[in-house]
Structure formats: C-alpha cells, structure tokens
Amino acid sequence: MRKSHNDIEIRSKLWIEIDGEPVFGRGRRFLLNAVDRYGSINRAAKEINISYRKAWSYIKAMEDRLGIKLVERQAGGVNGGGAVLTDAARLFLKNYEELESGIKELVDNKFDDIFGQK
C-alpha cells in the first residue's frame, strides 16, 4: 500500500477461485500459516478467530478444489493430536505469496503513475 502526497491509499485484494467458488485468499493463507506455526488446526482457528469446524471446512474445501493434500492431521489421543503442512502446501503458499507480492507491486506502480506527484 502506498500513499501519495494527499494521503490517498491504494489497496488491493487477491483471491483464487475455481468454477466461481473461492479457493484461496488472505484469510485462508493466515489459517495455513497458523497451522504451520502452532501444529494444530484448533489453535490456528483460535488465532484467526474462527471455529474449529469452519477452519476444518476451509481446509477440506481447499484440498478438494485444488486437488492436493495441504494438511496432514493426526487424531488426538494420549499424546494429543496435531497437524502439519505438507510440502505441497508449503510450495502453494510460497507461490501465492510471490503472486501477491507481484500484484501489489503492479498496483503500487500503477497508482504512482496515475495519482503520484506530477
């Protein structure tokens, strides 16, 4: 996000859809990053203020629509459960973040061209 001399801000949103259905965007990126950080879908859901059920449904929908396994889950028990991102999820996140950064740069440059100081 950039500001011009008169404090106008530019913001953009990026998300991926398949057949008109949302697959991935900022919120789901936050979810996967939180799963990676905490090793738990439940803890990740709490971190981003959604229910476990909603987090689980987002993960399932992403996996189904993308056709790749994103999270390896282990059911709870004596030692507790857990969740880790797959290598495919890590690559997808890396590629998405690169795309997001590139889009932001394009938008910032176009904003500067149009609204920047002349």
C-alpha atoms as a PDB file:
ATOM      1  CA  MET A   1       0.000   0.000   0.000  1.00  0.00           C
ATOM      2  CA  ARG A   2       1.328   3.432  -0.903  1.00  0.00           C
ATOM      3  CA  LYS A   3       0.246   6.962  -0.140  1.00  0.00           C
ATOM      4  CA  SER A   4       0.523   9.891  -2.462  1.00  0.00           C
ATOM      5  CA  HIS A   5       1.122  13.479  -1.428  1.00  0.00           C
ATOM      6  CA  ASN A   6      -2.556  13.896  -0.463  1.00  0.00           C
ATOM      7  CA  ASP A   7      -2.788  10.689   1.636  1.00  0.00           C
ATOM      8  CA  ILE A   8      -4.865   8.696  -0.862  1.00  0.00           C
ATOM      9  CA  GLU A   9      -4.283   4.996  -0.220  1.00  0.00           C
ATOM     10  CA  ILE A  10      -4.476   2.119  -2.661  1.00  0.00           C
ATOM     11  CA  ARG A  11      -5.417  -1.355  -1.503  1.00  0.00           C
ATOM     12  CA  SER A  12      -5.996  -4.496  -3.473  1.00  0.00           C
ATOM     13  CA  LYS A  13      -7.304  -7.959  -2.701  1.00  0.00           C
ATOM     14  CA  LEU A  14      -6.307 -11.157  -4.391  1.00  0.00           C
ATOM     15  CA  TRP A  15      -8.070 -14.482  -4.181  1.00  0.00           C
ATOM     16  CA  ILE A  16      -8.218 -17.623  -6.271  1.00  0.00           C
ATOM     17  CA  GLU A  17     -11.464 -19.209  -7.459  1.00  0.00           C
ATOM     18  CA  ILE A  18     -12.236 -22.439  -9.246  1.00  0.00           C
ATOM     19  CA  ASP A  19     -15.583 -22.640 -11.073  1.00  0.00           C
ATOM     20  CA  GLY A  20     -16.695 -19.485  -9.276  1.00  0.00           C
ATOM     21  CA  GLU A  21     -16.002 -20.936  -5.825  1.00  0.00           C
ATOM     22  CA  PRO A  22     -13.366 -19.312  -3.586  1.00  0.00           C
ATOM     23  CA  VAL A  23     -10.331 -21.491  -3.035  1.00  0.00           C
ATOM     24  CA  PHE A  24      -7.672 -19.305  -1.523  1.00  0.00           C
ATOM     25  CA  GLY A  25      -7.094 -15.788  -0.323  1.00  0.00           C
ATOM     26  CA  ARG A  26      -5.671 -13.797   2.543  1.00  0.00           C
ATOM     27  CA  GLY A  27      -7.780 -15.405   5.297  1.00  0.00           C
ATOM     28  CA  ARG A  28      -7.006 -18.935   4.212  1.00  0.00           C
ATOM     29  CA  ARG A  29      -3.333 -18.014   3.927  1.00  0.00           C
ATOM     30  CA  PHE A  30      -3.497 -16.820   7.555  1.00  0.00           C
ATOM     31  CA  LEU A  31      -5.126 -20.139   8.505  1.00  0.00           C
ATOM     32  CA  LEU A  32      -2.440 -22.282   6.868  1.00  0.00           C
ATOM     33  CA  ASN A  33       0.346 -20.128   8.309  1.00  0.00           C
ATOM     34  CA  ALA A  34      -1.202 -20.506  11.782  1.00  0.00           C
ATOM     35  CA  VAL A  35      -1.463 -24.296  11.362  1.00  0.00           C
ATOM     36  CA  ASP A  36       2.210 -24.280  10.422  1.00  0.00           C
ATOM     37  CA  ARG A  37       3.139 -22.100  13.401  1.00  0.00           C
ATOM     38  CA  TYR A  38       1.126 -23.999  16.042  1.00  0.00           C
ATOM     39  CA  GLY A  39       0.964 -27.545  14.664  1.00  0.00           C
ATOM     40  CA  SER A  40      -2.753 -27.559  15.438  1.00  0.00           C
ATOM     41  CA  ILE A  41      -5.891 -26.766  13.468  1.00  0.00           C
ATOM     42  CA  ASN A  42      -7.733 -25.937  16.689  1.00  0.00           C
ATOM     43  CA  ARG A  43      -5.077 -23.495  17.883  1.00  0.00           C
ATOM     44  CA  ALA A  44      -4.816 -21.980  14.379  1.00  0.00           C
ATOM     45  CA  ALA A  45      -8.585 -21.449  14.294  1.00  0.00           C
ATOM     46  CA  LYS A  46      -8.473 -19.667  17.656  1.00  0.00           C
ATOM     47  CA  GLU A  47      -5.581 -17.492  16.435  1.00  0.00           C
ATOM     48  CA  ILE A  48      -7.604 -16.193  13.486  1.00  0.00           C
ATOM     49  CA  ASN A  49     -10.917 -16.066  15.399  1.00  0.00           C
ATOM     50  CA  ILE A  50     -12.885 -18.759  13.597  1.00  0.00           C
ATOM     51  CA  SER A  51     -14.343 -22.016  14.877  1.00  0.00           C
ATOM     52  CA  TYR A  52     -12.513 -25.313  14.502  1.00  0.00           C
ATOM     53  CA  ARG A  53     -15.391 -26.509  12.335  1.00  0.00           C
ATOM     54  CA  LYS A  54     -15.013 -23.550   9.961  1.00  0.00           C
ATOM     55  CA  ALA A  55     -11.213 -23.997   9.807  1.00  0.00           C
ATOM     56  CA  TRP A  56     -11.666 -27.673   9.028  1.00  0.00           C
ATOM     57  CA  SER A  57     -14.223 -26.879   6.300  1.00  0.00           C
ATOM     58  CA  TYR A  58     -11.871 -24.313   4.722  1.00  0.00           C
ATOM     59  CA  ILE A  59      -9.009 -26.810   4.675  1.00  0.00           C
ATOM     60  CA  LYS A  60     -11.215 -29.557   3.238  1.00  0.00           C
ATOM     61  CA  ALA A  61     -12.612 -27.226   0.544  1.00  0.00           C
ATOM     62  CA  MET A  62      -9.119 -26.027  -0.419  1.00  0.00           C
ATOM     63  CA  GLU A  63      -7.841 -29.596  -0.659  1.00  0.00           C
ATOM     64  CA  ASP A  64     -10.859 -30.742  -2.691  1.00  0.00           C
ATOM     65  CA  ARG A  65     -10.816 -27.799  -5.101  1.00  0.00           C
ATOM     66  CA  LEU A  66      -7.036 -27.694  -5.549  1.00  0.00           C
ATOM     67  CA  GLY A  67      -6.708 -31.461  -5.720  1.00  0.00           C
ATOM     68  CA  ILE A  68      -3.755 -31.508  -3.310  1.00  0.00           C
ATOM     69  CA  LYS A  69      -3.299 -32.502   0.314  1.00  0.00           C
ATOM     70  CA  LEU A  70      -2.451 -29.390   2.340  1.00  0.00           C
ATOM     71  CA  VAL A  71      -2.522 -30.590   5.941  1.00  0.00           C
ATOM     72  CA  GLU A  72      -1.513 -33.908   7.472  1.00  0.00           C
ATOM     73  CA  ARG A  73      -3.669 -34.495  10.538  1.00  0.00           C
ATOM     74  CA  GLN A  74      -3.178 -36.834  13.471  1.00  0.00           C
ATOM     75  CA  ALA A  75      -6.161 -37.521  15.703  1.00  0.00           C
ATOM     76  CA  GLY A  76      -5.869 -36.748  19.392  1.00  0.00           C
ATOM     77  CA  GLY A  77      -5.188 -39.394  21.973  1.00  0.00           C
ATOM     78  CA  VAL A  78      -2.842 -39.942  24.876  1.00  0.00           C
ATOM     79  CA  ASN A  79      -0.161 -37.769  23.285  1.00  0.00           C
ATOM     80  CA  GLY A  80      -2.631 -35.365  21.696  1.00  0.00           C
ATOM     81  CA  GLY A  81      -3.209 -34.734  18.019  1.00  0.00           C
ATOM     82  CA  GLY A  82      -1.554 -32.405  15.650  1.00  0.00           C
ATOM     83  CA  ALA A  83      -1.396 -31.019  12.158  1.00  0.00           C
ATOM     84  CA  VAL A  84       1.463 -30.170   9.817  1.00  0.00           C
ATOM     85  CA  LEU A  85       1.549 -28.593   6.387  1.00  0.00           C
ATOM     86  CA  THR A  86       2.511 -30.832   3.512  1.00  0.00           C
ATOM     87  CA  ASP A  87       5.325 -29.965   1.128  1.00  0.00           C
ATOM     88  CA  ALA A  88       2.624 -29.208  -1.469  1.00  0.00           C
ATOM     89  CA  ALA A  89       1.038 -26.693   0.931  1.00  0.00           C
ATOM     90  CA  ARG A  90       4.377 -25.006   1.577  1.00  0.00           C
ATOM     91  CA  LEU A  91       5.012 -24.686  -2.168  1.00  0.00           C
ATOM     92  CA  PHE A  92       1.483 -23.380  -2.769  1.00  0.00           C
ATOM     93  CA  LEU A  93       1.908 -20.769  -0.004  1.00  0.00           C
ATOM     94  CA  LYS A  94       5.284 -19.701  -1.395  1.00  0.00           C
ATOM     95  CA  ASN A  95       3.841 -19.321  -4.894  1.00  0.00           C
ATOM     96  CA  TYR A  96       0.759 -17.463  -3.652  1.00  0.00           C
ATOM     97  CA  GLU A  97       2.854 -15.060  -1.587  1.00  0.00           C
ATOM     98  CA  GLU A  98       5.061 -14.418  -4.628  1.00  0.00           C
ATOM     99  CA  LEU A  99       1.967 -13.741  -6.749  1.00  0.00           C
ATOM    100  CA  GLU A 100       0.509 -11.475  -4.059  1.00  0.00           C
ATOM    101  CA  SER A 101       3.748  -9.512  -3.839  1.00  0.00           C
ATOM    102  CA  GLY A 102       3.906  -9.133  -7.623  1.00  0.00           C
ATOM    103  CA  ILE A 103       0.300  -7.928  -7.822  1.00  0.00           C
ATOM    104  CA  LYS A 104       0.939  -5.412  -5.015  1.00  0.00           C
ATOM    105  CA  GLU A 105       3.968  -4.071  -6.877  1.00  0.00           C
ATOM    106  CA  LEU A 106       1.975  -3.698 -10.107  1.00  0.00           C
ATOM    107  CA  VAL A 107      -0.882  -1.939  -8.306  1.00  0.00           C
ATOM    108  CA  ASP A 108       1.515   0.361  -6.421  1.00  0.00           C
ATOM    109  CA  ASN A 109       3.314   1.310  -9.630  1.00  0.00           C
ATOM    110  CA  LYS A 110       0.064   1.975 -11.490  1.00  0.00           C
ATOM    111  CA  PHE A 111      -1.185   4.035  -8.541  1.00  0.00           C
ATOM    112  CA  ASP A 112       2.022   6.094  -8.596  1.00  0.00           C
ATOM    113  CA  ASP A 113       1.679   6.598 -12.370  1.00  0.00           C
ATOM    114  CA  ILE A 114      -1.880   7.862 -12.050  1.00  0.00           C
ATOM    115  CA  PHE A 115      -2.054   9.588  -8.651  1.00  0.00           C
ATOM    116  CA  GLY A 116       1.579  10.260  -7.805  1.00  0.00           C
ATOM    117  CA  GLN A 117       3.070  13.708  -7.640  1.00  0.00           C
ATOM    118  CA  LYS A 118       3.361  15.189 -11.088  1.00  0.00           C
END
